[in-house]
Amino acid sequence: MEKKFYLNQDHQKVSIVIPILLFILIIIGYRLYYRTILPLMFGGKSGDYILIAGIFSLFTSALIMWLLDPYVKKLLPSGHVLTLNSEEGILSHSFEEKVEVALQHRSAWQVTRWQFIMGRFIKSGRERQIPRTWSCMAMHIQVDGEELTLFCYARPRIKRVLDQLANWETISMYETMEDDHKSRNLPTLRPPTASDVIPGRLLVGDKGNVWLAERKRRNNGIEMSPKDFEELLKYLSSGSNASQ
């Protein structure tokens, strides 16, 4: 049985298109509420409904955009696809139909799993959209010289579900700060992913393999949706994998 997962769904094109669509919906909604819907429903002149029309258009547009979001992502795929052949035990990553990585011999897969809370850090790129209470859940899979790093951003409720499916190493971006700069009173802590640099002391420490995997996530990691990440994790947890 073959299953395809579409990766990096919140890529740059989607990040540009969705705000534009939302703005258009707000304008259209405002004109409809202001000129037609509210005067017809309650009578009076359009000018009586300026504030209410604005509020209604915002809520209606947000709801419509929430419903359209999955379809926009399907229409604008990133080109990254993860294919799982559960019968043959093969996991492959392709970009624009060209296979980049193919993990075979499932029983020999080395899997490292880790997590960290996004927290009060300065963020860059996609991470600016992630609430500080969410967690990054990640796993690095390698076999026969091939490797793949996958991750998702999970809200607390989803994190609790993923926690029950596997064992996770926990790290903190607070550890990347030098001792003389650490202060829990800072409004923000220096960046977890704005820079690819992870202090050498962490790479050779007790969790060196995890921090090395985190560095690979920053450089080449591919984001999955929480739902797809959970499905893949269930598959990995269903058999005997060597894990760390």
Foldseek 3Di string as FASTA:
>chain_A
DKDKFFFPLVDDVLVVVLVVQLVVQLVVQLCCCQCPDVCVVPNDHSVVCNPVSNVVSNVVSVVVSVVCSVVVSVVPGQQWMWMADLVQGWIFIGGVPHTDFIDGDLQAKEKAKAKEFQAQADDDDPCVPADRQWMKIKMWIDDPHTIAIEIEIGHPVLVVVLVVLDPHHYDYLLVQDDPVQDDPPDSHDYHPQPDLDGDPCCCPDPCNVVVVSVSCCSVPYIYGYSVVVSVVSNSSSVDNYNYD
